[in-house]
């Protein structure tokens, strides 16, 4: 395979001097969104959710782009929602915060599912909670063999969001979905492939090269068929998912002020 074209990097539009939660890299036919909150495990906060959504919409406006990749900087793909920000709030303020954060995450999840682009989740490291949800919403999943996938919601007393409780039982069946969401099961590398949550797993040292090969392979095919085929494969999903995401957002917001959930979130955040 010929060498990929050089990557062009651009920072997303933001207020002057403001830190951005993502980095956008582009080469012909491909846009790669890199979550860049490595010190926070690339946890999903309002900034990351909204910037990723804006970058996705920008990519869709370019008729030359067919592939969108989501990946993370550092050791994590995405460690889930920003629990530390939640823990900084009083218990009575957490439902409003969770409702807003889940709303932003769910807008992004729906945009991924609806997108005409072939969306690759390049899971370079741990994917938990909402990070698992972004993976499930994507069209192709490449995982590093060392990358753990875990739901993690129950460990902090919350219920799933970002489509996790929609996709898992449909992919795995009820019992295995319970094993992941309530039983604390963690899948690593090849296990994610065996459980049909990923397409392939590769060693960490081969991950970057395989990702470039994968991105290029989709741009070399019948690119005009990507959007229509994805639309047919997703037929009926969007309406169901949209209603389900509303139920997820309501549930996680309501649980966030339960005394036991408050205790578990505070303990996780070291409070």
C-alpha atoms as a PDB file:
ATOM      1  CA  UNK A   1       0.000   0.000   0.000  1.00  0.00           C
ATOM      2  CA  UNK A   2       1.302   3.469  -0.836  1.00  0.00           C
ATOM      3  CA  UNK A   3       2.192   5.863   1.956  1.00  0.00           C
ATOM      4  CA  UNK A   4      -0.785   7.881   3.229  1.00  0.00           C
ATOM      5  CA  UNK A   5      -0.941  11.545   2.339  1.00  0.00           C
ATOM      6  CA  UNK A   6       0.491  13.964   4.924  1.00  0.00           C
ATOM      7  CA  UNK A   7      -1.790  14.781   7.818  1.00  0.00           C
ATOM      8  CA  UNK A   8      -3.027  18.333   8.226  1.00  0.00           C
ATOM      9  CA  UNK A   9      -3.735  19.317  11.814  1.00  0.00           C
ATOM     10  CA  UNK A  10      -6.113  22.061  12.785  1.00  0.00           C
ATOM     11  CA  UNK A  11      -7.479  23.139  16.121  1.00  0.00           C
ATOM     12  CA  UNK A  12     -11.267  23.447  16.364  1.00  0.00           C
ATOM     13  CA  UNK A  13     -12.783  26.906  16.451  1.00  0.00           C
ATOM     14  CA  UNK A  14     -12.915  28.200  20.006  1.00  0.00           C
ATOM     15  CA  UNK A  15     -12.622  31.373  21.997  1.00  0.00           C
ATOM     16  CA  UNK A  16      -9.233  33.020  21.708  1.00  0.00           C
ATOM     17  CA  UNK A  17      -6.791  31.417  24.105  1.00  0.00           C
ATOM     18  CA  UNK A  18      -9.230  28.762  25.274  1.00  0.00           C
ATOM     19  CA  UNK A  19      -8.008  25.197  25.586  1.00  0.00           C
ATOM     20  CA  UNK A  20      -9.604  22.743  23.204  1.00  0.00           C
ATOM     21  CA  UNK A  21     -10.675  19.248  24.176  1.00  0.00           C
ATOM     22  CA  UNK A  22      -9.969  17.727  20.756  1.00  0.00           C
ATOM     23  CA  UNK A  23      -7.471  17.869  17.931  1.00  0.00           C
ATOM     24  CA  UNK A  24      -8.627  17.499  14.332  1.00  0.00           C
ATOM     25  CA  UNK A  25      -6.324  15.868  11.793  1.00  0.00           C
ATOM     26  CA  UNK A  26      -7.175  15.613   8.112  1.00  0.00           C
ATOM     27  CA  UNK A  27      -5.859  14.000   4.984  1.00  0.00           C
ATOM     28  CA  UNK A  28      -7.691  13.368   1.704  1.00  0.00           C
ATOM     29  CA  UNK A  29     -11.009  11.646   2.375  1.00  0.00           C
ATOM     30  CA  UNK A  30     -10.343  11.234   6.109  1.00  0.00           C
ATOM     31  CA  UNK A  31     -10.887  13.305   9.237  1.00  0.00           C
ATOM     32  CA  UNK A  32      -9.490  12.083  12.529  1.00  0.00           C
ATOM     33  CA  UNK A  33     -10.755  13.532  15.815  1.00  0.00           C
ATOM     34  CA  UNK A  34      -8.345  13.010  18.708  1.00  0.00           C
ATOM     35  CA  UNK A  35      -9.686  13.454  22.231  1.00  0.00           C
ATOM     36  CA  UNK A  36      -6.985  15.399  24.028  1.00  0.00           C
ATOM     37  CA  UNK A  37      -7.737  15.442  27.729  1.00  0.00           C
ATOM     38  CA  UNK A  38      -5.152  12.777  28.608  1.00  0.00           C
ATOM     39  CA  UNK A  39      -4.720  14.035  32.168  1.00  0.00           C
ATOM     40  CA  UNK A  40      -8.431  13.366  32.735  1.00  0.00           C
ATOM     41  CA  UNK A  41      -8.506  10.065  30.855  1.00  0.00           C
ATOM     42  CA  UNK A  42     -10.110  11.884  27.890  1.00  0.00           C
ATOM     43  CA  UNK A  43     -13.259  11.984  30.019  1.00  0.00           C
ATOM     44  CA  UNK A  44     -16.315  13.333  28.240  1.00  0.00           C
ATOM     45  CA  UNK A  45     -17.215  16.802  29.432  1.00  0.00           C
ATOM     46  CA  UNK A  46     -19.386  19.408  27.746  1.00  0.00           C
ATOM     47  CA  UNK A  47     -16.442  20.833  25.831  1.00  0.00           C
ATOM     48  CA  UNK A  48     -15.306  17.511  24.407  1.00  0.00           C
ATOM     49  CA  UNK A  49     -18.845  16.472  23.436  1.00  0.00           C
ATOM     50  CA  UNK A  50     -19.680  19.769  21.764  1.00  0.00           C
ATOM     51  CA  UNK A  51     -16.342  20.192  19.988  1.00  0.00           C
ATOM     52  CA  UNK A  52     -16.497  16.634  18.652  1.00  0.00           C
ATOM     53  CA  UNK A  53     -20.029  17.217  17.378  1.00  0.00           C
ATOM     54  CA  UNK A  54     -18.971  20.443  15.655  1.00  0.00           C
ATOM     55  CA  UNK A  55     -15.973  18.725  14.043  1.00  0.00           C
ATOM     56  CA  UNK A  56     -18.162  15.863  12.835  1.00  0.00           C
ATOM     57  CA  UNK A  57     -20.612  18.288  11.267  1.00  0.00           C
ATOM     58  CA  UNK A  58     -17.771  20.188   9.615  1.00  0.00           C
ATOM     59  CA  UNK A  59     -16.459  16.930   8.135  1.00  0.00           C
ATOM     60  CA  UNK A  60     -19.894  16.043   6.786  1.00  0.00           C
ATOM     61  CA  UNK A  61     -20.031  19.362   4.924  1.00  0.00           C
ATOM     62  CA  UNK A  62     -16.948  18.401   2.914  1.00  0.00           C
ATOM     63  CA  UNK A  63     -18.073  16.146   0.029  1.00  0.00           C
ATOM     64  CA  UNK A  64     -14.520  14.792  -0.296  1.00  0.00           C
ATOM     65  CA  UNK A  65     -14.570  13.272   3.216  1.00  0.00           C
ATOM     66  CA  UNK A  66     -15.861   9.709   3.586  1.00  0.00           C
ATOM     67  CA  UNK A  67     -14.221   8.471   6.808  1.00  0.00           C
ATOM     68  CA  UNK A  68     -14.285   9.927  10.320  1.00  0.00           C
ATOM     69  CA  UNK A  69     -12.102   8.411  13.041  1.00  0.00           C
ATOM     70  CA  UNK A  70     -12.506   8.900  16.790  1.00  0.00           C
ATOM     71  CA  UNK A  71      -9.472   8.148  18.955  1.00  0.00           C
ATOM     72  CA  UNK A  72      -7.762   9.301  22.117  1.00  0.00           C
ATOM     73  CA  UNK A  73      -4.449  10.800  23.119  1.00  0.00           C
ATOM     74  CA  UNK A  74      -2.401   8.942  25.699  1.00  0.00           C
ATOM     75  CA  UNK A  75      -3.457   5.813  27.585  1.00  0.00           C
ATOM     76  CA  UNK A  76      -7.216   6.236  27.224  1.00  0.00           C
ATOM     77  CA  UNK A  77      -9.735   6.235  24.419  1.00  0.00           C
ATOM     78  CA  UNK A  78     -12.372   7.785  26.683  1.00  0.00           C
ATOM     79  CA  UNK A  79     -12.784   7.041  30.385  1.00  0.00           C
ATOM     80  CA  UNK A  80     -16.479   7.965  30.368  1.00  0.00           C
ATOM     81  CA  UNK A  81     -18.235  11.031  31.700  1.00  0.00           C
ATOM     82  CA  UNK A  82     -16.324  13.593  33.743  1.00  0.00           C
ATOM     83  CA  UNK A  83     -16.961  12.186  37.232  1.00  0.00           C
ATOM     84  CA  UNK A  84     -14.601  14.652  38.904  1.00  0.00           C
ATOM     85  CA  UNK A  85     -16.670  17.578  37.657  1.00  0.00           C
ATOM     86  CA  UNK A  86     -19.775  15.867  38.989  1.00  0.00           C
ATOM     87  CA  UNK A  87     -18.144  15.244  42.369  1.00  0.00           C
ATOM     88  CA  UNK A  88     -17.328  18.944  42.671  1.00  0.00           C
ATOM     89  CA  UNK A  89     -21.058  19.725  42.799  1.00  0.00           C
ATOM     90  CA  UNK A  90     -23.454  19.495  45.706  1.00  0.00           C
ATOM     91  CA  UNK A  91     -25.781  16.496  45.526  1.00  0.00           C
ATOM     92  CA  UNK A  92     -28.817  18.619  44.659  1.00  0.00           C
ATOM     93  CA  UNK A  93     -26.984  20.174  41.712  1.00  0.00           C
ATOM     94  CA  UNK A  94     -25.903  16.906  40.120  1.00  0.00           C
ATOM     95  CA  UNK A  95     -29.148  15.990  38.307  1.00  0.00           C
ATOM     96  CA  UNK A  96     -29.102  19.223  36.281  1.00  0.00           C
ATOM     97  CA  UNK A  97     -25.429  18.735  35.444  1.00  0.00           C
ATOM     98  CA  UNK A  98     -25.954  15.107  34.397  1.00  0.00           C
ATOM     99  CA  UNK A  99     -28.993  16.036  32.315  1.00  0.00           C
ATOM    100  CA  UNK A 100     -26.938  18.648  30.429  1.00  0.00           C
ATOM    101  CA  UNK A 101     -23.900  16.390  30.005  1.00  0.00           C
ATOM    102  CA  UNK A 102     -25.979  13.399  28.913  1.00  0.00           C
ATOM    103  CA  UNK A 103     -27.870  15.666  26.509  1.00  0.00           C
ATOM    104  CA  UNK A 104     -24.615  16.771  24.857  1.00  0.00           C
ATOM    105  CA  UNK A 105     -23.276  13.202  24.742  1.00  0.00           C
ATOM    106  CA  UNK A 106     -26.542  11.929  23.280  1.00  0.00           C
ATOM    107  CA  UNK A 107     -26.606  14.607  20.597  1.00  0.00           C
ATOM    108  CA  UNK A 108     -23.143  13.399  19.593  1.00  0.00           C
ATOM    109  CA  UNK A 109     -24.204   9.735  19.702  1.00  0.00           C
ATOM    110  CA  UNK A 110     -27.166  10.395  17.402  1.00  0.00           C
ATOM    111  CA  UNK A 111     -24.988  12.388  15.029  1.00  0.00           C
ATOM    112  CA  UNK A 112     -22.558   9.456  14.746  1.00  0.00           C
ATOM    113  CA  UNK A 113     -25.372   7.022  14.010  1.00  0.00           C
ATOM    114  CA  UNK A 114     -27.033   9.359  11.502  1.00  0.00           C
ATOM    115  CA  UNK A 115     -23.819  10.427   9.802  1.00  0.00           C
ATOM    116  CA  UNK A 116     -23.229   9.659   6.132  1.00  0.00           C
ATOM    117  CA  UNK A 117     -19.568   9.098   7.072  1.00  0.00           C
ATOM    118  CA  UNK A 118     -18.033   5.733   7.920  1.00  0.00           C
ATOM    119  CA  UNK A 119     -17.162   6.271  11.589  1.00  0.00           C
ATOM    120  CA  UNK A 120     -14.210   4.316  12.993  1.00  0.00           C
ATOM    121  CA  UNK A 121     -13.674   4.032  16.742  1.00  0.00           C
ATOM    122  CA  UNK A 122      -9.912   3.616  17.096  1.00  0.00           C
ATOM    123  CA  UNK A 123      -9.768   2.379  20.684  1.00  0.00           C
ATOM    124  CA  UNK A 124      -6.150   3.032  21.598  1.00  0.00           C
ATOM    125  CA  UNK A 125      -6.740   2.560  25.333  1.00  0.00           C
ATOM    126  CA  UNK A 126      -9.388   2.102  27.985  1.00  0.00           C
ATOM    127  CA  UNK A 127     -13.007   2.774  26.987  1.00  0.00           C
ATOM    128  CA  UNK A 128     -15.458   3.087  29.861  1.00  0.00           C
ATOM    129  CA  UNK A 129     -18.975   4.397  30.334  1.00  0.00           C
ATOM    130  CA  UNK A 130     -19.740   6.988  27.688  1.00  0.00           C
ATOM    131  CA  UNK A 131     -16.513   5.963  25.941  1.00  0.00           C
ATOM    132  CA  UNK A 132     -18.019   2.519  25.485  1.00  0.00           C
ATOM    133  CA  UNK A 133     -21.143   4.229  24.166  1.00  0.00           C
ATOM    134  CA  UNK A 134     -19.202   6.119  21.494  1.00  0.00           C
ATOM    135  CA  UNK A 135     -17.612   2.843  20.435  1.00  0.00           C
ATOM    136  CA  UNK A 136     -21.035   1.177  20.168  1.00  0.00           C
ATOM    137  CA  UNK A 137     -22.404   4.023  18.036  1.00  0.00           C
ATOM    138  CA  UNK A 138     -19.534   3.730  15.549  1.00  0.00           C
ATOM    139  CA  UNK A 139     -19.475   1.634  12.377  1.00  0.00           C
ATOM    140  CA  UNK A 140     -16.098  -0.065  12.684  1.00  0.00           C
ATOM    141  CA  UNK A 141     -14.136  -0.688  15.875  1.00  0.00           C
ATOM    142  CA  UNK A 142     -10.388  -1.245  16.027  1.00  0.00           C
ATOM    143  CA  UNK A 143      -9.029  -1.992  19.514  1.00  0.00           C
ATOM    144  CA  UNK A 144      -5.560  -2.256  20.909  1.00  0.00           C
ATOM    145  CA  UNK A 145      -5.000  -5.690  22.444  1.00  0.00           C
ATOM    146  CA  UNK A 146      -4.275  -4.010  25.780  1.00  0.00           C
ATOM    147  CA  UNK A 147      -7.366  -1.781  25.758  1.00  0.00           C
ATOM    148  CA  UNK A 148     -10.009  -2.681  28.375  1.00  0.00           C
ATOM    149  CA  UNK A 149     -13.696  -2.102  27.655  1.00  0.00           C
ATOM    150  CA  UNK A 150     -15.896  -1.675  30.709  1.00  0.00           C
ATOM    151  CA  UNK A 151     -19.323  -0.205  31.401  1.00  0.00           C
ATOM    152  CA  UNK A 152     -18.390   1.024  34.918  1.00  0.00           C
ATOM    153  CA  UNK A 153     -21.677   2.816  35.651  1.00  0.00           C
ATOM    154  CA  UNK A 154     -22.734   0.549  38.500  1.00  0.00           C
ATOM    155  CA  UNK A 155     -19.435   1.122  40.293  1.00  0.00           C
ATOM    156  CA  UNK A 156     -20.464   4.756  40.854  1.00  0.00           C
ATOM    157  CA  UNK A 157     -24.161   4.061  41.369  1.00  0.00           C
ATOM    158  CA  UNK A 158     -25.376   5.288  37.993  1.00  0.00           C
ATOM    159  CA  UNK A 159     -27.253   3.752  35.068  1.00  0.00           C
ATOM    160  CA  UNK A 160     -25.921   3.683  31.479  1.00  0.00           C
ATOM    161  CA  UNK A 161     -26.057   6.528  28.991  1.00  0.00           C
ATOM    162  CA  UNK A 162     -24.775   7.313  25.462  1.00  0.00           C
ATOM    163  CA  UNK A 163     -26.703   4.356  24.057  1.00  0.00           C
ATOM    164  CA  UNK A 164     -24.918   1.676  26.113  1.00  0.00           C
ATOM    165  CA  UNK A 165     -28.176   0.176  27.397  1.00  0.00           C
ATOM    166  CA  UNK A 166     -29.652   0.298  23.883  1.00  0.00           C
ATOM    167  CA  UNK A 167     -26.865  -1.407  21.967  1.00  0.00           C
ATOM    168  CA  UNK A 168     -25.501  -3.967  24.434  1.00  0.00           C
ATOM    169  CA  UNK A 169     -28.591  -6.214  24.703  1.00  0.00           C
ATOM    170  CA  UNK A 170     -29.110  -6.046  20.944  1.00  0.00           C
ATOM    171  CA  UNK A 171     -25.532  -7.094  20.260  1.00  0.00           C
ATOM    172  CA  UNK A 172     -24.904  -9.460  23.167  1.00  0.00           C
ATOM    173  CA  UNK A 173     -28.284 -10.561  24.475  1.00  0.00           C
ATOM    174  CA  UNK A 174     -29.710  -9.723  27.880  1.00  0.00           C
ATOM    175  CA  UNK A 175     -27.506 -11.912  30.080  1.00  0.00           C
ATOM    176  CA  UNK A 176     -24.189 -10.719  28.696  1.00  0.00           C
ATOM    177  CA  UNK A 177     -25.437  -7.125  28.765  1.00  0.00           C
ATOM    178  CA  UNK A 178     -26.161  -7.585  32.471  1.00  0.00           C
ATOM    179  CA  UNK A 179     -22.715  -9.118  32.928  1.00  0.00           C
ATOM    180  CA  UNK A 180     -21.103  -5.969  31.536  1.00  0.00           C
ATOM    181  CA  UNK A 181     -23.362  -3.329  33.081  1.00  0.00           C
ATOM    182  CA  UNK A 182     -24.094  -4.794  36.511  1.00  0.00           C
ATOM    183  CA  UNK A 183     -21.585  -7.620  36.860  1.00  0.00           C
ATOM    184  CA  UNK A 184     -18.516  -5.469  36.285  1.00  0.00           C
ATOM    185  CA  UNK A 185     -17.136  -7.668  33.481  1.00  0.00           C
ATOM    186  CA  UNK A 186     -14.155  -6.175  31.648  1.00  0.00           C
ATOM    187  CA  UNK A 187     -13.253  -7.155  28.095  1.00  0.00           C
ATOM    188  CA  UNK A 188      -9.710  -6.746  26.804  1.00  0.00           C
ATOM    189  CA  UNK A 189      -8.543  -6.796  23.184  1.00  0.00           C
ATOM    190  CA  UNK A 190      -9.495 -10.067  21.509  1.00  0.00           C
ATOM    191  CA  UNK A 191     -12.300 -10.593  24.034  1.00  0.00           C
ATOM    192  CA  UNK A 192     -14.050  -7.538  22.598  1.00  0.00           C
ATOM    193  CA  UNK A 193     -13.858  -9.148  19.152  1.00  0.00           C
ATOM    194  CA  UNK A 194     -15.186 -12.451  20.496  1.00  0.00           C
ATOM    195  CA  UNK A 195     -18.112 -10.620  22.104  1.00  0.00           C
ATOM    196  CA  UNK A 196     -18.782  -8.796  18.802  1.00  0.00           C
ATOM    197  CA  UNK A 197     -18.077  -5.343  20.224  1.00  0.00           C
ATOM    198  CA  UNK A 198     -15.043  -4.831  17.967  1.00  0.00           C
ATOM    199  CA  UNK A 199     -14.054  -5.802  14.442  1.00  0.00           C
ATOM    200  CA  UNK A 200     -10.403  -6.456  15.149  1.00  0.00           C
ATOM    201  CA  UNK A 201      -7.725  -6.235  17.828  1.00  0.00           C
ATOM    202  CA  UNK A 202      -4.074  -5.531  17.123  1.00  0.00           C
ATOM    203  CA  UNK A 203      -0.947  -5.223  19.293  1.00  0.00           C
ATOM    204  CA  UNK A 204      -0.317  -1.739  20.641  1.00  0.00           C
ATOM    205  CA  UNK A 205       2.875  -1.357  18.620  1.00  0.00           C
ATOM    206  CA  UNK A 206       0.987  -2.059  15.387  1.00  0.00           C
ATOM    207  CA  UNK A 207      -2.080   0.037  16.220  1.00  0.00           C
ATOM    208  CA  UNK A 208      -1.137   3.301  14.494  1.00  0.00           C
ATOM    209  CA  UNK A 209      -0.071   1.599  11.269  1.00  0.00           C
ATOM    210  CA  UNK A 210      -3.153  -0.612  11.148  1.00  0.00           C
ATOM    211  CA  UNK A 211      -5.414   2.393  11.731  1.00  0.00           C
ATOM    212  CA  UNK A 212      -3.903   4.246   8.773  1.00  0.00           C
ATOM    213  CA  UNK A 213      -4.290   1.145   6.595  1.00  0.00           C
ATOM    214  CA  UNK A 214      -7.915   0.792   7.658  1.00  0.00           C
ATOM    215  CA  UNK A 215      -8.774   4.432   6.994  1.00  0.00           C
ATOM    216  CA  UNK A 216      -7.144   4.276   3.579  1.00  0.00           C
ATOM    217  CA  UNK A 217      -8.915   1.032   2.672  1.00  0.00           C
ATOM    218  CA  UNK A 218     -12.338   2.633   3.065  1.00  0.00           C
ATOM    219  CA  UNK A 219     -11.382   5.628   0.943  1.00  0.00           C
ATOM    220  CA  UNK A 220     -10.117   3.353  -1.855  1.00  0.00           C
ATOM    221  CA  UNK A 221     -13.426   1.520  -2.260  1.00  0.00           C
ATOM    222  CA  UNK A 222     -16.819   2.510  -3.651  1.00  0.00           C
ATOM    223  CA  UNK A 223     -17.114   5.596  -1.463  1.00  0.00           C
ATOM    224  CA  UNK A 224     -20.419   6.615  -3.024  1.00  0.00           C
ATOM    225  CA  UNK A 225     -21.997   3.548  -1.396  1.00  0.00           C
ATOM    226  CA  UNK A 226     -20.905   4.305   2.184  1.00  0.00           C
ATOM    227  CA  UNK A 227     -23.670   6.739   3.128  1.00  0.00           C
ATOM    228  CA  UNK A 228     -26.560   4.893   1.435  1.00  0.00           C
ATOM    229  CA  UNK A 229     -25.441   1.512   2.806  1.00  0.00           C
ATOM    230  CA  UNK A 230     -25.062   2.883   6.316  1.00  0.00           C
ATOM    231  CA  UNK A 231     -28.511   4.481   6.066  1.00  0.00           C
ATOM    232  CA  UNK A 232     -30.052   1.126   5.148  1.00  0.00           C
ATOM    233  CA  UNK A 233     -28.190  -0.727   7.903  1.00  0.00           C
ATOM    234  CA  UNK A 234     -29.369   1.859  10.438  1.00  0.00           C
ATOM    235  CA  UNK A 235     -32.978   1.870   9.196  1.00  0.00           C
ATOM    236  CA  UNK A 236     -35.314   2.005  12.179  1.00  0.00           C
ATOM    237  CA  UNK A 237     -32.463   2.469  14.652  1.00  0.00           C
ATOM    238  CA  UNK A 238     -32.409   6.260  14.852  1.00  0.00           C
ATOM    239  CA  UNK A 239     -36.005   6.697  16.007  1.00  0.00           C
ATOM    240  CA  UNK A 240     -35.707   3.933  18.608  1.00  0.00           C
ATOM    241  CA  UNK A 241     -32.340   5.180  19.807  1.00  0.00           C
ATOM    242  CA  UNK A 242     -33.514   8.776  20.134  1.00  0.00           C
ATOM    243  CA  UNK A 243     -36.362   7.773  22.448  1.00  0.00           C
ATOM    244  CA  UNK A 244     -34.105   5.418  24.393  1.00  0.00           C
ATOM    245  CA  UNK A 245     -31.475   8.129  24.926  1.00  0.00           C
ATOM    246  CA  UNK A 246     -34.107  10.339  26.513  1.00  0.00           C
ATOM    247  CA  UNK A 247     -34.885   7.554  28.973  1.00  0.00           C
ATOM    248  CA  UNK A 248     -31.182   7.036  29.680  1.00  0.00           C
ATOM    249  CA  UNK A 249     -30.644  10.745  30.373  1.00  0.00           C
ATOM    250  CA  UNK A 250     -33.608  10.869  32.730  1.00  0.00           C
ATOM    251  CA  UNK A 251     -32.445   7.787  34.619  1.00  0.00           C
ATOM    252  CA  UNK A 252     -28.810   8.815  35.110  1.00  0.00           C
ATOM    253  CA  UNK A 253     -29.792  12.332  36.179  1.00  0.00           C
ATOM    254  CA  UNK A 254     -32.295  11.001  38.702  1.00  0.00           C
ATOM    255  CA  UNK A 255     -29.835   8.504  40.178  1.00  0.00           C
ATOM    256  CA  UNK A 256     -27.075  11.074  40.551  1.00  0.00           C
ATOM    257  CA  UNK A 257     -28.551  12.541  43.742  1.00  0.00           C
ATOM    258  CA  UNK A 258     -29.283   9.194  45.410  1.00  0.00           C
ATOM    259  CA  UNK A 259     -27.264   9.133  48.667  1.00  0.00           C
ATOM    260  CA  UNK A 260     -25.428   5.940  47.757  1.00  0.00           C
ATOM    261  CA  UNK A 261     -24.611   7.262  44.273  1.00  0.00           C
ATOM    262  CA  UNK A 262     -23.326  10.499  45.785  1.00  0.00           C
ATOM    263  CA  UNK A 263     -21.077   8.479  48.116  1.00  0.00           C
ATOM    264  CA  UNK A 264     -19.735   6.280  45.311  1.00  0.00           C
ATOM    265  CA  UNK A 265     -19.043   9.218  42.987  1.00  0.00           C
ATOM    266  CA  UNK A 266     -17.275  11.098  45.781  1.00  0.00           C
ATOM    267  CA  UNK A 267     -15.168   8.049  46.623  1.00  0.00           C
ATOM    268  CA  UNK A 268     -14.218   7.594  42.969  1.00  0.00           C
ATOM    269  CA  UNK A 269     -13.131  11.235  42.790  1.00  0.00           C
ATOM    270  CA  UNK A 270     -11.142  10.947  46.000  1.00  0.00           C
ATOM    271  CA  UNK A 271     -13.406  13.207  48.028  1.00  0.00           C
END
